[in-house]
Every structure is written in structure tokens, then in C-alpha cells.
Amino acid sequence: MPKTSSAKKALRQNKTRNARNVSRKNTLKIAVKNFSRSLSTSKEEAKTKLAETYKTIDKMAKVKLIKKGKANRMKSRLAKKLK
């Protein structure tokens, strides 16, 4: 357990940031899963889901949850799946 007040605050911040990051990772995973599921139904639905997934990936890269290169790689692979 932290003893100093600054260490206590750092622990609180770490817990908050961890919860936020876990939530964001789940959002990203869900978006990718929804796109993968929509591939089996219809191509038009998959196109709309792809746009939503791109938006989510870009947001996660912006807040530095994932790196820019990984975001670009994910988007490229998802586009290949659509073709």
C-alpha cells in the first residue's frame, strides 16, 4: 500500500486509467467482431459496419490505445476481408 499522499493519488489515477483503457479495448474488439459477423449476412451491411469500425479504430489510435501503424494495419486487413 502506498504511504505518501502522492503515491496514493498515483494509485487512484492508475486504477481510473486502467478501467478506461479496458473499456476502450472492449469497444474496439466488439466493433471488429460486429464487422466480422456482418460479412456473413450482406455486403451492404458490411460496408456500413466497416465505416463504423474504421471510426472506432481511428479514435483508439488518437487516444494512443493502439499505435498508428497497428491501426492502419487493422484497417487494411478488414478492407481485404470485405473484398
PDB file of N, CA and C in Angstrom:
ATOM      1  N   MET A   1       0.841  -1.189   0.000  1.00  0.00           N
ATOM      2  CA  MET A   1       0.000   0.000   0.000  1.00  0.00           C
ATOM      3  C   MET A   1       0.884   1.250   0.000  1.00  0.00           C
ATOM      4  N   PRO A   2       0.432   2.261  -0.739  1.00  0.00           N
ATOM      5  CA  PRO A   2       1.214   3.499  -0.774  1.00  0.00           C
ATOM      6  C   PRO A   2       1.132   4.232   0.555  1.00  0.00           C
ATOM      7  N   LYS A   3       2.216   4.893   0.883  1.00  0.00           N
ATOM      8  CA  LYS A   3       2.265   5.612   2.153  1.00  0.00           C
ATOM      9  C   LYS A   3       2.109   7.113   1.964  1.00  0.00           C
ATOM     10  N   THR A   4       2.791   7.669   0.986  1.00  0.00           N
ATOM     11  CA  THR A   4       2.720   9.126   0.791  1.00  0.00           C
ATOM     12  C   THR A   4       1.455   9.489   0.034  1.00  0.00           C
ATOM     13  N   SER A   5       1.080  10.748   0.185  1.00  0.00           N
ATOM     14  CA  SER A   5      -0.153  11.197  -0.457  1.00  0.00           C
ATOM     15  C   SER A   5      -0.011  11.186  -1.976  1.00  0.00           C
ATOM     16  N   SER A   6       1.188  11.490  -2.482  1.00  0.00           N
ATOM     17  CA  SER A   6       1.377  11.481  -3.937  1.00  0.00           C
ATOM     18  C   SER A   6       1.297  10.057  -4.480  1.00  0.00           C
ATOM     19  N   ALA A   7       1.774   9.082  -3.717  1.00  0.00           N
ATOM     20  CA  ALA A   7       1.687   7.684  -4.138  1.00  0.00           C
ATOM     21  C   ALA A   7       0.237   7.211  -4.112  1.00  0.00           C
ATOM     22  N   LYS A   8      -0.536   7.690  -3.146  1.00  0.00           N
ATOM     23  CA  LYS A   8      -1.959   7.344  -3.079  1.00  0.00           C
ATOM     24  C   LYS A   8      -2.700   7.891  -4.292  1.00  0.00           C
ATOM     25  N   LYS A   9      -2.378   9.133  -4.644  1.00  0.00           N
ATOM     26  CA  LYS A   9      -3.012   9.743  -5.801  1.00  0.00           C
ATOM     27  C   LYS A   9      -2.624   8.998  -7.079  1.00  0.00           C
ATOM     28  N   ALA A  10      -1.355   8.623  -7.193  1.00  0.00           N
ATOM     29  CA  ALA A  10      -0.894   7.889  -8.369  1.00  0.00           C
ATOM     30  C   ALA A  10      -1.633   6.562  -8.499  1.00  0.00           C
ATOM     31  N   LEU A  11      -1.891   5.899  -7.401  1.00  0.00           N
ATOM     32  CA  LEU A  11      -2.629   4.640  -7.418  1.00  0.00           C
ATOM     33  C   LEU A  11      -4.065   4.865  -7.904  1.00  0.00           C
ATOM     34  N   ARG A  12      -4.700   5.929  -7.406  1.00  0.00           N
ATOM     35  CA  ARG A  12      -6.058   6.257  -7.856  1.00  0.00           C
ATOM     36  C   ARG A  12      -6.076   6.524  -9.360  1.00  0.00           C
ATOM     37  N   GLN A  13      -5.094   7.276  -9.831  1.00  0.00           N
ATOM     38  CA  GLN A  13      -5.023   7.590 -11.263  1.00  0.00           C
ATOM     39  C   GLN A  13      -4.824   6.324 -12.088  1.00  0.00           C
ATOM     40  N   ASN A  14      -3.953   5.430 -11.606  1.00  0.00           N
ATOM     41  CA  ASN A  14      -3.699   4.189 -12.339  1.00  0.00           C
ATOM     42  C   ASN A  14      -4.954   3.341 -12.447  1.00  0.00           C
ATOM     43  N   LYS A  15      -5.723   3.258 -11.363  1.00  0.00           N
ATOM     44  CA  LYS A  15      -6.955   2.477 -11.388  1.00  0.00           C
ATOM     45  C   LYS A  15      -7.954   3.068 -12.384  1.00  0.00           C
ATOM     46  N   THR A  16      -8.091   4.384 -12.376  1.00  0.00           N
ATOM     47  CA  THR A  16      -9.021   5.058 -13.287  1.00  0.00           C
ATOM     48  C   THR A  16      -8.602   4.850 -14.731  1.00  0.00           C
ATOM     49  N   ARG A  17      -7.331   5.047 -15.012  1.00  0.00           N
ATOM     50  CA  ARG A  17      -6.834   4.905 -16.383  1.00  0.00           C
ATOM     51  C   ARG A  17      -6.936   3.467 -16.861  1.00  0.00           C
ATOM     52  N   ASN A  18      -6.668   2.515 -15.976  1.00  0.00           N
ATOM     53  CA  ASN A  18      -6.776   1.111 -16.340  1.00  0.00           C
ATOM     54  C   ASN A  18      -8.212   0.762 -16.716  1.00  0.00           C
ATOM     55  N   ALA A  19      -9.171   1.233 -15.921  1.00  0.00           N
ATOM     56  CA  ALA A  19     -10.579   0.958 -16.205  1.00  0.00           C
ATOM     57  C   ALA A  19     -10.975   1.562 -17.553  1.00  0.00           C
ATOM     58  N   ARG A  20     -10.507   2.769 -17.814  1.00  0.00           N
ATOM     59  CA  ARG A  20     -10.822   3.444 -19.077  1.00  0.00           C
ATOM     60  C   ARG A  20     -10.223   2.680 -20.259  1.00  0.00           C
ATOM     61  N   ASN A  21      -8.980   2.231 -20.117  1.00  0.00           N
ATOM     62  CA  ASN A  21      -8.320   1.509 -21.206  1.00  0.00           C
ATOM     63  C   ASN A  21      -8.976   0.158 -21.472  1.00  0.00           C
ATOM     64  N   VAL A  22      -9.369  -0.536 -20.416  1.00  0.00           N
ATOM     65  CA  VAL A  22     -10.048  -1.822 -20.586  1.00  0.00           C
ATOM     66  C   VAL A  22     -11.366  -1.628 -21.325  1.00  0.00           C
ATOM     67  N   SER A  23     -12.089  -0.586 -20.966  1.00  0.00           N
ATOM     68  CA  SER A  23     -13.352  -0.281 -21.629  1.00  0.00           C
ATOM     69  C   SER A  23     -13.137   0.014 -23.108  1.00  0.00           C
ATOM     70  N   ARG A  24     -12.119   0.788 -23.406  1.00  0.00           N
ATOM     71  CA  ARG A  24     -11.830   1.136 -24.799  1.00  0.00           C
ATOM     72  C   ARG A  24     -11.403  -0.086 -25.604  1.00  0.00           C
ATOM     73  N   LYS A  25     -10.605  -0.972 -25.000  1.00  0.00           N
ATOM     74  CA  LYS A  25     -10.187  -2.188 -25.700  1.00  0.00           C
ATOM     75  C   LYS A  25     -11.393  -3.058 -26.021  1.00  0.00           C
ATOM     76  N   ASN A  26     -12.328  -3.161 -25.075  1.00  0.00           N
ATOM     77  CA  ASN A  26     -13.535  -3.946 -25.311  1.00  0.00           C
ATOM     78  C   ASN A  26     -14.354  -3.346 -26.442  1.00  0.00           C
ATOM     79  N   THR A  27     -14.446  -2.021 -26.486  1.00  0.00           N
ATOM     80  CA  THR A  27     -15.182  -1.347 -27.553  1.00  0.00           C
ATOM     81  C   THR A  27     -14.579  -1.681 -28.912  1.00  0.00           C
ATOM     82  N   LEU A  28     -13.256  -1.665 -28.971  1.00  0.00           N
ATOM     83  CA  LEU A  28     -12.563  -1.976 -30.216  1.00  0.00           C
ATOM     84  C   LEU A  28     -12.817  -3.417 -30.638  1.00  0.00           C
ATOM     85  N   LYS A  29     -12.708  -4.348 -29.701  1.00  0.00           N
ATOM     86  CA  LYS A  29     -12.931  -5.759 -30.011  1.00  0.00           C
ATOM     87  C   LYS A  29     -14.358  -5.996 -30.504  1.00  0.00           C
ATOM     88  N   ILE A  30     -15.318  -5.363 -29.851  1.00  0.00           N
ATOM     89  CA  ILE A  30     -16.722  -5.525 -30.226  1.00  0.00           C
ATOM     90  C   ILE A  30     -16.966  -4.994 -31.632  1.00  0.00           C
ATOM     91  N   ALA A  31     -16.346  -3.851 -31.956  1.00  0.00           N
ATOM     92  CA  ALA A  31     -16.525  -3.271 -33.292  1.00  0.00           C
ATOM     93  C   ALA A  31     -15.990  -4.215 -34.362  1.00  0.00           C
ATOM     94  N   VAL A  32     -14.825  -4.800 -34.122  1.00  0.00           N
ATOM     95  CA  VAL A  32     -14.237  -5.728 -35.093  1.00  0.00           C
ATOM     96  C   VAL A  32     -15.092  -6.989 -35.210  1.00  0.00           C
ATOM     97  N   LYS A  33     -15.593  -7.486 -34.085  1.00  0.00           N
ATOM     98  CA  LYS A  33     -16.450  -8.675 -34.112  1.00  0.00           C
ATOM     99  C   LYS A  33     -17.736  -8.414 -34.884  1.00  0.00           C
ATOM    100  N   ASN A  34     -18.345  -7.234 -34.656  1.00  0.00           N
ATOM    101  CA  ASN A  34     -19.581  -6.904 -35.358  1.00  0.00           C
ATOM    102  C   ASN A  34     -19.354  -6.849 -36.859  1.00  0.00           C
ATOM    103  N   PHE A  35     -18.215  -6.303 -37.274  1.00  0.00           N
ATOM    104  CA  PHE A  35     -17.897  -6.266 -38.700  1.00  0.00           C
ATOM    105  C   PHE A  35     -17.742  -7.684 -39.241  1.00  0.00           C
ATOM    106  N   SER A  36     -17.030  -8.536 -38.522  1.00  0.00           N
ATOM    107  CA  SER A  36     -16.819  -9.911 -38.982  1.00  0.00           C
ATOM    108  C   SER A  36     -18.142 -10.668 -39.110  1.00  0.00           C
ATOM    109  N   ARG A  37     -19.037 -10.425 -38.191  1.00  0.00           N
ATOM    110  CA  ARG A  37     -20.352 -11.068 -38.261  1.00  0.00           C
ATOM    111  C   ARG A  37     -21.157 -10.567 -39.445  1.00  0.00           C
ATOM    112  N   SER A  38     -21.043  -9.273 -39.733  1.00  0.00           N
ATOM    113  CA  SER A  38     -21.825  -8.693 -40.823  1.00  0.00           C
ATOM    114  C   SER A  38     -21.334  -9.167 -42.187  1.00  0.00           C
ATOM    115  N   LEU A  39     -20.105  -9.659 -42.259  1.00  0.00           N
ATOM    116  CA  LEU A  39     -19.594 -10.186 -43.529  1.00  0.00           C
ATOM    117  C   LEU A  39     -20.423 -11.363 -44.019  1.00  0.00           C
ATOM    118  N   SER A  40     -20.911 -12.165 -43.084  1.00  0.00           N
ATOM    119  CA  SER A  40     -21.665 -13.354 -43.474  1.00  0.00           C
ATOM    120  C   SER A  40     -23.101 -13.031 -43.892  1.00  0.00           C
ATOM    121  N   THR A  41     -23.607 -11.874 -43.489  1.00  0.00           N
ATOM    122  CA  THR A  41     -25.002 -11.557 -43.813  1.00  0.00           C
ATOM    123  C   THR A  41     -25.117 -10.882 -45.178  1.00  0.00           C
ATOM    124  N   SER A  42     -24.740  -9.606 -45.279  1.00  0.00           N
ATOM    125  CA  SER A  42     -24.861  -8.915 -46.562  1.00  0.00           C
ATOM    126  C   SER A  42     -23.697  -7.955 -46.754  1.00  0.00           C
ATOM    127  N   LYS A  43     -23.385  -7.694 -48.011  1.00  0.00           N
ATOM    128  CA  LYS A  43     -22.237  -6.842 -48.327  1.00  0.00           C
ATOM    129  C   LYS A  43     -22.522  -5.376 -47.984  1.00  0.00           C
ATOM    130  N   GLU A  44     -23.753  -4.951 -48.179  1.00  0.00           N
ATOM    131  CA  GLU A  44     -24.115  -3.555 -47.873  1.00  0.00           C
ATOM    132  C   GLU A  44     -24.000  -3.278 -46.376  1.00  0.00           C
ATOM    133  N   GLU A  45     -24.477  -4.209 -45.590  1.00  0.00           N
ATOM    134  CA  GLU A  45     -24.372  -4.064 -44.132  1.00  0.00           C
ATOM    135  C   GLU A  45     -22.907  -4.073 -43.706  1.00  0.00           C
ATOM    136  N   ALA A  46     -22.129  -4.907 -44.354  1.00  0.00           N
ATOM    137  CA  ALA A  46     -20.706  -4.995 -44.024  1.00  0.00           C
ATOM    138  C   ALA A  46     -20.001  -3.674 -44.343  1.00  0.00           C
ATOM    139  N   LYS A  47     -20.401  -3.008 -45.421  1.00  0.00           N
ATOM    140  CA  LYS A  47     -19.789  -1.718 -45.771  1.00  0.00           C
ATOM    141  C   LYS A  47     -20.063  -0.666 -44.697  1.00  0.00           C
ATOM    142  N   THR A  48     -21.287  -0.639 -44.180  1.00  0.00           N
ATOM    143  CA  THR A  48     -21.604   0.331 -43.134  1.00  0.00           C
ATOM    144  C   THR A  48     -20.864  -0.001 -41.844  1.00  0.00           C
ATOM    145  N   LYS A  49     -20.788  -1.290 -41.540  1.00  0.00           N
ATOM    146  CA  LYS A  49     -20.055  -1.715 -40.334  1.00  0.00           C
ATOM    147  C   LYS A  49     -18.563  -1.413 -40.470  1.00  0.00           C
ATOM    148  N   LEU A  50     -18.033  -1.513 -41.693  1.00  0.00           N
ATOM    149  CA  LEU A  50     -16.624  -1.212 -41.915  1.00  0.00           C
ATOM    150  C   LEU A  50     -16.342   0.254 -41.607  1.00  0.00           C
ATOM    151  N   ALA A  51     -17.240   1.131 -42.028  1.00  0.00           N
ATOM    152  CA  ALA A  51     -17.063   2.563 -41.752  1.00  0.00           C
ATOM    153  C   ALA A  51     -17.081   2.831 -40.250  1.00  0.00           C
ATOM    154  N   GLU A  52     -18.001   2.178 -39.540  1.00  0.00           N
ATOM    155  CA  GLU A  52     -18.077   2.338 -38.091  1.00  0.00           C
ATOM    156  C   GLU A  52     -16.815   1.800 -37.414  1.00  0.00           C
ATOM    157  N   THR A  53     -16.330   0.682 -37.919  1.00  0.00           N
ATOM    158  CA  THR A  53     -15.123   0.075 -37.349  1.00  0.00           C
ATOM    159  C   THR A  53     -13.909   0.962 -37.597  1.00  0.00           C
ATOM    160  N   TYR A  54     -13.822   1.545 -38.804  1.00  0.00           N
ATOM    161  CA  TYR A  54     -12.743   2.494 -39.100  1.00  0.00           C
ATOM    162  C   TYR A  54     -12.758   3.651 -38.112  1.00  0.00           C
ATOM    163  N   LYS A  55     -13.943   4.155 -37.856  1.00  0.00           N
ATOM    164  CA  LYS A  55     -14.086   5.285 -36.933  1.00  0.00           C
ATOM    165  C   LYS A  55     -13.586   4.912 -35.540  1.00  0.00           C
ATOM    166  N   THR A  56     -13.961   3.733 -35.081  1.00  0.00           N
ATOM    167  CA  THR A  56     -13.531   3.266 -33.763  1.00  0.00           C
ATOM    168  C   THR A  56     -12.025   3.074 -33.712  1.00  0.00           C
ATOM    169  N   ILE A  57     -11.466   2.467 -34.758  1.00  0.00           N
ATOM    170  CA  ILE A  57     -10.018   2.242 -34.799  1.00  0.00           C
ATOM    171  C   ILE A  57      -9.272   3.573 -34.777  1.00  0.00           C
ATOM    172  N   ASP A  58      -9.752   4.532 -35.551  1.00  0.00           N
ATOM    173  CA  ASP A  58      -9.096   5.846 -35.583  1.00  0.00           C
ATOM    174  C   ASP A  58      -9.154   6.542 -34.230  1.00  0.00           C
ATOM    175  N   LYS A  59     -10.274   6.404 -33.545  1.00  0.00           N
ATOM    176  CA  LYS A  59     -10.400   7.007 -32.213  1.00  0.00           C
ATOM    177  C   LYS A  59      -9.411   6.382 -31.237  1.00  0.00           C
ATOM    178  N   MET A  60      -9.270   5.062 -31.304  1.00  0.00           N
ATOM    179  CA  MET A  60      -8.359   4.385 -30.387  1.00  0.00           C
ATOM    180  C   MET A  60      -6.901   4.732 -30.690  1.00  0.00           C
ATOM    181  N   ALA A  61      -6.594   4.984 -31.954  1.00  0.00           N
ATOM    182  CA  ALA A  61      -5.238   5.415 -32.304  1.00  0.00           C
ATOM    183  C   ALA A  61      -5.013   6.854 -31.831  1.00  0.00           C
ATOM    184  N   LYS A  62      -6.054   7.656 -31.894  1.00  0.00           N
ATOM    185  CA  LYS A  62      -5.936   9.061 -31.481  1.00  0.00           C
ATOM    186  C   LYS A  62      -5.645   9.186 -29.992  1.00  0.00           C
ATOM    187  N   VAL A  63      -6.278   8.339 -29.188  1.00  0.00           N
ATOM    188  CA  VAL A  63      -6.050   8.391 -27.742  1.00  0.00           C
ATOM    189  C   VAL A  63      -4.883   7.507 -27.327  1.00  0.00           C
ATOM    190  N   LYS A  64      -4.163   6.983 -28.337  1.00  0.00           N
ATOM    191  CA  LYS A  64      -2.939   6.199 -28.155  1.00  0.00           C
ATOM    192  C   LYS A  64      -3.151   4.893 -27.401  1.00  0.00           C
ATOM    193  N   LEU A  65      -4.331   4.308 -27.572  1.00  0.00           N
ATOM    194  CA  LEU A  65      -4.559   2.969 -27.041  1.00  0.00           C
ATOM    195  C   LEU A  65      -3.816   1.963 -27.911  1.00  0.00           C
ATOM    196  N   ILE A  66      -3.834   2.203 -29.215  1.00  0.00           N
ATOM    197  CA  ILE A  66      -3.039   1.422 -30.157  1.00  0.00           C
ATOM    198  C   ILE A  66      -2.201   2.400 -30.966  1.00  0.00           C
ATOM    199  N   LYS A  67      -1.113   1.896 -31.549  1.00  0.00           N
ATOM    200  CA  LYS A  67      -0.250   2.773 -32.334  1.00  0.00           C
ATOM    201  C   LYS A  67      -0.836   3.001 -33.723  1.00  0.00           C
ATOM    202  N   LYS A  68      -0.370   4.063 -34.358  1.00  0.00           N
ATOM    203  CA  LYS A  68      -0.875   4.452 -35.670  1.00  0.00           C
ATOM    204  C   LYS A  68      -0.670   3.350 -36.705  1.00  0.00           C
ATOM    205  N   GLY A  69       0.499   2.722 -36.679  1.00  0.00           N
ATOM    206  CA  GLY A  69       0.789   1.660 -37.638  1.00  0.00           C
ATOM    207  C   GLY A  69      -0.125   0.463 -37.460  1.00  0.00           C
ATOM    208  N   LYS A  70      -0.412   0.119 -36.216  1.00  0.00           N
ATOM    209  CA  LYS A  70      -1.317  -1.006 -35.956  1.00  0.00           C
ATOM    210  C   LYS A  70      -2.722  -0.672 -36.437  1.00  0.00           C
ATOM    211  N   ALA A  71      -3.133   0.578 -36.243  1.00  0.00           N
ATOM    212  CA  ALA A  71      -4.456   0.996 -36.697  1.00  0.00           C
ATOM    213  C   ALA A  71      -4.552   0.869 -38.216  1.00  0.00           C
ATOM    214  N   ASN A  72      -3.521   1.330 -38.913  1.00  0.00           N
ATOM    215  CA  ASN A  72      -3.516   1.231 -40.373  1.00  0.00           C
ATOM    216  C   ASN A  72      -3.524  -0.223 -40.831  1.00  0.00           C
ATOM    217  N   ARG A  73      -2.777  -1.069 -40.148  1.00  0.00           N
ATOM    218  CA  ARG A  73      -2.709  -2.489 -40.486  1.00  0.00           C
ATOM    219  C   ARG A  73      -4.071  -3.154 -40.276  1.00  0.00           C
ATOM    220  N   MET A  74      -4.726  -2.822 -39.167  1.00  0.00           N
ATOM    221  CA  MET A  74      -6.052  -3.389 -38.895  1.00  0.00           C
ATOM    222  C   MET A  74      -7.049  -2.984 -39.970  1.00  0.00           C
ATOM    223  N   LYS A  75      -7.040  -1.707 -40.333  1.00  0.00           N
ATOM    224  CA  LYS A  75      -7.979  -1.213 -41.340  1.00  0.00           C
ATOM    225  C   LYS A  75      -7.722  -1.884 -42.686  1.00  0.00           C
ATOM    226  N   SER A  76      -6.458  -2.069 -43.035  1.00  0.00           N
ATOM    227  CA  SER A  76      -6.113  -2.711 -44.295  1.00  0.00           C
ATOM    228  C   SER A  76      -6.610  -4.151 -44.326  1.00  0.00           C
ATOM    229  N   ARG A  77      -6.406  -4.864 -43.258  1.00  0.00           N
ATOM    230  CA  ARG A  77      -6.828  -6.271 -43.202  1.00  0.00           C
ATOM    231  C   ARG A  77      -8.350  -6.408 -43.239  1.00  0.00           C
ATOM    232  N   LEU A  78      -9.051  -5.471 -42.581  1.00  0.00           N
ATOM    233  CA  LEU A  78     -10.510  -5.516 -42.609  1.00  0.00           C
ATOM    234  C   LEU A  78     -11.031  -5.232 -44.018  1.00  0.00           C
ATOM    235  N   ALA A  79     -10.384  -4.292 -44.721  1.00  0.00           N
ATOM    236  CA  ALA A  79     -10.790  -3.976 -46.089  1.00  0.00           C
ATOM    237  C   ALA A  79     -10.563  -5.172 -47.008  1.00  0.00           C
ATOM    238  N   LYS A  80      -9.470  -5.899 -46.791  1.00  0.00           N
ATOM    239  CA  LYS A  80      -9.201  -7.097 -47.589  1.00  0.00           C
ATOM    240  C   LYS A  80     -10.287  -8.143 -47.370  1.00  0.00           C
ATOM    241  N   LYS A  81     -10.735  -8.279 -46.133  1.00  0.00           N
ATOM    242  CA  LYS A  81     -11.779  -9.264 -45.841  1.00  0.00           C
ATOM    243  C   LYS A  81     -13.073  -8.910 -46.573  1.00  0.00           C
ATOM    244  N   LEU A  82     -13.353  -7.618 -46.687  1.00  0.00           N
ATOM    245  CA  LEU A  82     -14.584  -7.192 -47.360  1.00  0.00           C
ATOM    246  C   LEU A  82     -14.541  -7.549 -48.843  1.00  0.00           C
ATOM    247  N   LYS A  83     -13.366  -7.421 -49.454  1.00  0.00           N
ATOM    248  CA  LYS A  83     -13.235  -7.773 -50.883  1.00  0.00           C
ATOM    249  C   LYS A  83     -13.330  -9.275 -51.025  1.00  0.00           C
TER     250      LYS A  83
END
